[in-house]
Amino acid sequence: MTEWSQHMLKRTVRRSCQLSAKSEAKDLQTSCGLQISTTTMCRELHGMGFHGRAAVFKPYITKCNAKCRMQWCKACQH
């Protein structure tokens, strides 16, 4: 990849950070006319310091659970 194509790749990833590699490749193909495979794109993004991460699921605290937690905290305070 040339420096210009790396610059365009970095720019598109920063603009839309939640897209997959396939959709990013299609976006680069349509906007810049670059023919790039998804594996090449992933390799270049890893080299630039971009790594895909999945968000950790955190369950919501229900009112009942919050009440029970508060009771437990008050009971174990001392």
N, C-alpha and C. Protein backbone atom coordinates (compact mmCIF):
# COMPACT_ATOMS: atom_id res chain seq x y z
N MET A 1 0.84 -1.19 0.00
CA MET A 1 0.00 0.00 0.00
C MET A 1 0.87 1.24 0.00
N THR A 2 0.43 2.25 -0.68
CA THR A 2 1.16 3.51 -0.72
C THR A 2 0.83 4.33 0.53
N GLU A 3 1.60 5.37 0.75
CA GLU A 3 1.35 6.25 1.90
C GLU A 3 -0.01 6.92 1.80
N TRP A 4 -0.40 7.29 0.58
CA TRP A 4 -1.69 7.94 0.38
C TRP A 4 -2.83 7.00 0.73
N SER A 5 -2.72 5.74 0.28
CA SER A 5 -3.79 4.78 0.58
C SER A 5 -3.84 4.46 2.07
N GLN A 6 -2.69 4.42 2.75
CA GLN A 6 -2.68 4.23 4.19
C GLN A 6 -3.33 5.41 4.90
N HIS A 7 -3.06 6.60 4.41
CA HIS A 7 -3.67 7.80 4.98
C HIS A 7 -5.19 7.77 4.82
N MET A 8 -5.65 7.39 3.64
CA MET A 8 -7.08 7.32 3.39
C MET A 8 -7.73 6.23 4.24
N LEU A 9 -7.05 5.11 4.43
CA LEU A 9 -7.56 4.03 5.26
C LEU A 9 -7.71 4.49 6.71
N LYS A 10 -6.69 5.15 7.22
CA LYS A 10 -6.73 5.65 8.59
C LYS A 10 -7.85 6.67 8.76
N ARG A 11 -8.03 7.50 7.76
CA ARG A 11 -9.06 8.53 7.82
C ARG A 11 -10.47 7.93 7.84
N THR A 12 -10.69 6.93 7.00
CA THR A 12 -12.02 6.32 6.96
C THR A 12 -12.31 5.53 8.23
N VAL A 13 -11.30 4.91 8.80
CA VAL A 13 -11.51 4.13 10.03
C VAL A 13 -11.82 5.07 11.19
N ARG A 14 -11.15 6.18 11.28
CA ARG A 14 -11.42 7.14 12.35
C ARG A 14 -12.80 7.76 12.22
N ARG A 15 -13.26 7.93 10.99
CA ARG A 15 -14.57 8.51 10.77
C ARG A 15 -15.70 7.56 11.17
N SER A 16 -15.53 6.30 10.86
CA SER A 16 -16.58 5.31 11.15
C SER A 16 -15.92 4.13 11.85
N CYS A 17 -15.77 4.22 13.16
CA CYS A 17 -14.97 3.26 13.90
C CYS A 17 -15.69 1.95 14.20
N GLN A 18 -16.97 1.83 13.90
CA GLN A 18 -17.69 0.61 14.24
C GLN A 18 -18.02 -0.25 13.04
N LEU A 19 -17.42 -0.01 11.93
CA LEU A 19 -17.69 -0.81 10.74
C LEU A 19 -16.75 -2.00 10.66
N SER A 20 -17.16 -3.03 9.96
CA SER A 20 -16.33 -4.22 9.79
C SER A 20 -15.30 -3.97 8.69
N ALA A 21 -14.36 -4.89 8.59
CA ALA A 21 -13.30 -4.76 7.58
C ALA A 21 -13.87 -4.84 6.17
N LYS A 22 -14.89 -5.68 5.97
CA LYS A 22 -15.49 -5.80 4.64
C LYS A 22 -16.16 -4.50 4.22
N SER A 23 -16.91 -3.90 5.13
CA SER A 23 -17.58 -2.65 4.79
C SER A 23 -16.58 -1.51 4.61
N GLU A 24 -15.50 -1.53 5.37
CA GLU A 24 -14.46 -0.52 5.18
C GLU A 24 -13.79 -0.68 3.82
N ALA A 25 -13.55 -1.92 3.40
CA ALA A 25 -12.94 -2.17 2.09
C ALA A 25 -13.86 -1.68 0.98
N LYS A 26 -15.16 -1.93 1.11
CA LYS A 26 -16.11 -1.44 0.11
C LYS A 26 -16.14 0.08 0.09
N ASP A 27 -16.06 0.69 1.26
CA ASP A 27 -16.07 2.15 1.35
C ASP A 27 -14.85 2.74 0.66
N LEU A 28 -13.69 2.14 0.87
CA LEU A 28 -12.47 2.62 0.21
C LEU A 28 -12.55 2.41 -1.30
N GLN A 29 -13.13 1.30 -1.73
CA GLN A 29 -13.25 1.04 -3.15
C GLN A 29 -14.14 2.06 -3.84
N THR A 30 -15.24 2.43 -3.18
CA THR A 30 -16.16 3.37 -3.81
C THR A 30 -15.66 4.81 -3.72
N SER A 31 -15.09 5.19 -2.59
CA SER A 31 -14.69 6.59 -2.42
C SER A 31 -13.36 6.92 -3.07
N CYS A 32 -12.39 6.01 -2.99
CA CYS A 32 -11.04 6.32 -3.47
C CYS A 32 -10.63 5.52 -4.69
N GLY A 33 -11.38 4.50 -5.02
CA GLY A 33 -11.02 3.67 -6.16
C GLY A 33 -9.91 2.68 -5.84
N LEU A 34 -9.66 2.39 -4.58
CA LEU A 34 -8.62 1.43 -4.19
C LEU A 34 -9.18 0.02 -4.21
N GLN A 35 -8.44 -0.90 -4.79
CA GLN A 35 -8.81 -2.31 -4.74
C GLN A 35 -7.95 -2.95 -3.65
N ILE A 36 -8.58 -3.26 -2.51
CA ILE A 36 -7.84 -3.78 -1.37
C ILE A 36 -8.63 -4.94 -0.77
N SER A 37 -7.91 -5.99 -0.40
CA SER A 37 -8.59 -7.14 0.21
C SER A 37 -8.77 -6.90 1.71
N THR A 38 -9.66 -7.67 2.30
CA THR A 38 -9.93 -7.48 3.73
C THR A 38 -8.74 -7.91 4.58
N THR A 39 -8.01 -8.93 4.15
CA THR A 39 -6.84 -9.36 4.93
C THR A 39 -5.74 -8.31 4.89
N THR A 40 -5.53 -7.70 3.74
CA THR A 40 -4.55 -6.62 3.64
C THR A 40 -4.96 -5.45 4.50
N MET A 41 -6.25 -5.14 4.49
CA MET A 41 -6.76 -4.05 5.29
C MET A 41 -6.56 -4.33 6.78
N CYS A 42 -6.88 -5.53 7.21
CA CYS A 42 -6.69 -5.88 8.63
C CYS A 42 -5.23 -5.81 9.02
N ARG A 43 -4.35 -6.30 8.15
CA ARG A 43 -2.92 -6.26 8.44
C ARG A 43 -2.42 -4.83 8.55
N GLU A 44 -2.86 -3.97 7.65
CA GLU A 44 -2.45 -2.57 7.70
C GLU A 44 -3.00 -1.86 8.94
N LEU A 45 -4.26 -2.16 9.29
CA LEU A 45 -4.85 -1.53 10.47
C LEU A 45 -4.15 -1.97 11.75
N HIS A 46 -3.76 -3.24 11.82
CA HIS A 46 -3.02 -3.71 12.99
C HIS A 46 -1.67 -3.01 13.07
N GLY A 47 -1.04 -2.80 11.92
CA GLY A 47 0.23 -2.09 11.89
C GLY A 47 0.10 -0.64 12.32
N MET A 48 -1.05 -0.03 12.06
CA MET A 48 -1.30 1.36 12.46
C MET A 48 -1.72 1.48 13.92
N GLY A 49 -2.01 0.34 14.57
CA GLY A 49 -2.40 0.39 15.97
C GLY A 49 -3.89 0.27 16.21
N PHE A 50 -4.66 -0.03 15.17
CA PHE A 50 -6.10 -0.24 15.32
C PHE A 50 -6.35 -1.74 15.51
N HIS A 51 -7.05 -2.08 16.58
CA HIS A 51 -7.37 -3.47 16.87
C HIS A 51 -8.86 -3.57 17.17
N GLY A 52 -9.49 -4.60 16.64
CA GLY A 52 -10.92 -4.80 16.87
C GLY A 52 -11.17 -5.32 18.27
N ARG A 53 -12.07 -4.71 18.95
CA ARG A 53 -12.42 -5.14 20.30
C ARG A 53 -13.93 -5.23 20.39
N ALA A 54 -14.39 -6.22 21.11
CA ALA A 54 -15.83 -6.36 21.37
C ALA A 54 -16.12 -5.81 22.75
N ALA A 55 -17.17 -5.05 22.88
CA ALA A 55 -17.52 -4.48 24.17
C ALA A 55 -18.00 -5.58 25.12
N VAL A 56 -17.64 -5.44 26.38
CA VAL A 56 -18.04 -6.41 27.39
C VAL A 56 -19.48 -6.13 27.79
N PHE A 57 -20.27 -7.18 27.87
CA PHE A 57 -21.67 -7.04 28.24
C PHE A 57 -21.77 -6.81 29.74
N LYS A 58 -22.45 -5.77 30.15
CA LYS A 58 -22.69 -5.49 31.55
C LYS A 58 -24.19 -5.47 31.78
N PRO A 59 -24.68 -6.36 32.62
CA PRO A 59 -26.13 -6.39 32.84
C PRO A 59 -26.58 -5.15 33.62
N TYR A 60 -27.78 -4.71 33.35
CA TYR A 60 -28.34 -3.57 34.06
C TYR A 60 -28.70 -3.97 35.48
N ILE A 61 -28.60 -3.02 36.40
CA ILE A 61 -28.97 -3.29 37.79
C ILE A 61 -30.45 -2.99 37.95
N THR A 62 -31.21 -3.99 38.34
CA THR A 62 -32.64 -3.80 38.53
C THR A 62 -32.89 -3.10 39.86
N LYS A 63 -34.07 -2.58 40.04
CA LYS A 63 -34.41 -1.91 41.30
C LYS A 63 -34.33 -2.87 42.47
N CYS A 64 -34.79 -4.10 42.26
CA CYS A 64 -34.75 -5.11 43.31
C CYS A 64 -33.30 -5.43 43.68
N ASN A 65 -32.45 -5.59 42.67
CA ASN A 65 -31.05 -5.90 42.92
C ASN A 65 -30.34 -4.73 43.62
N ALA A 66 -30.65 -3.51 43.23
CA ALA A 66 -30.05 -2.34 43.87
C ALA A 66 -30.47 -2.26 45.33
N LYS A 67 -31.72 -2.58 45.61
CA LYS A 67 -32.22 -2.54 46.99
C LYS A 67 -31.52 -3.60 47.84
N CYS A 68 -31.37 -4.80 47.29
CA CYS A 68 -30.69 -5.88 48.00
C CYS A 68 -29.23 -5.54 48.24
N ARG A 69 -28.58 -4.93 47.27
CA ARG A 69 -27.18 -4.54 47.43
C ARG A 69 -27.02 -3.48 48.50
N MET A 70 -27.95 -2.53 48.56
CA MET A 70 -27.89 -1.48 49.57
C MET A 70 -28.09 -2.07 50.97
N GLN A 71 -29.00 -3.01 51.09
CA GLN A 71 -29.21 -3.68 52.37
C GLN A 71 -27.96 -4.43 52.80
N TRP A 72 -27.35 -5.12 51.87
CA TRP A 72 -26.12 -5.87 52.18
C TRP A 72 -24.99 -4.93 52.59
N CYS A 73 -24.86 -3.79 51.89
CA CYS A 73 -23.81 -2.81 52.22
C CYS A 73 -24.01 -2.24 53.62
N LYS A 74 -25.25 -1.92 53.96
CA LYS A 74 -25.53 -1.37 55.28
C LYS A 74 -25.31 -2.42 56.36
N ALA A 75 -25.64 -3.69 56.08
CA ALA A 75 -25.43 -4.75 57.06
C ALA A 75 -23.95 -5.03 57.29
N CYS A 76 -23.14 -4.90 56.25
CA CYS A 76 -21.71 -5.22 56.35
C CYS A 76 -20.85 -3.98 56.50
N GLN A 77 -21.42 -2.88 56.86
CA GLN A 77 -20.70 -1.62 56.94
C GLN A 77 -19.57 -1.66 57.98
N HIS A 78 -19.83 -2.27 59.11
CA HIS A 78 -18.83 -2.26 60.19
C HIS A 78 -18.17 -3.60 60.29
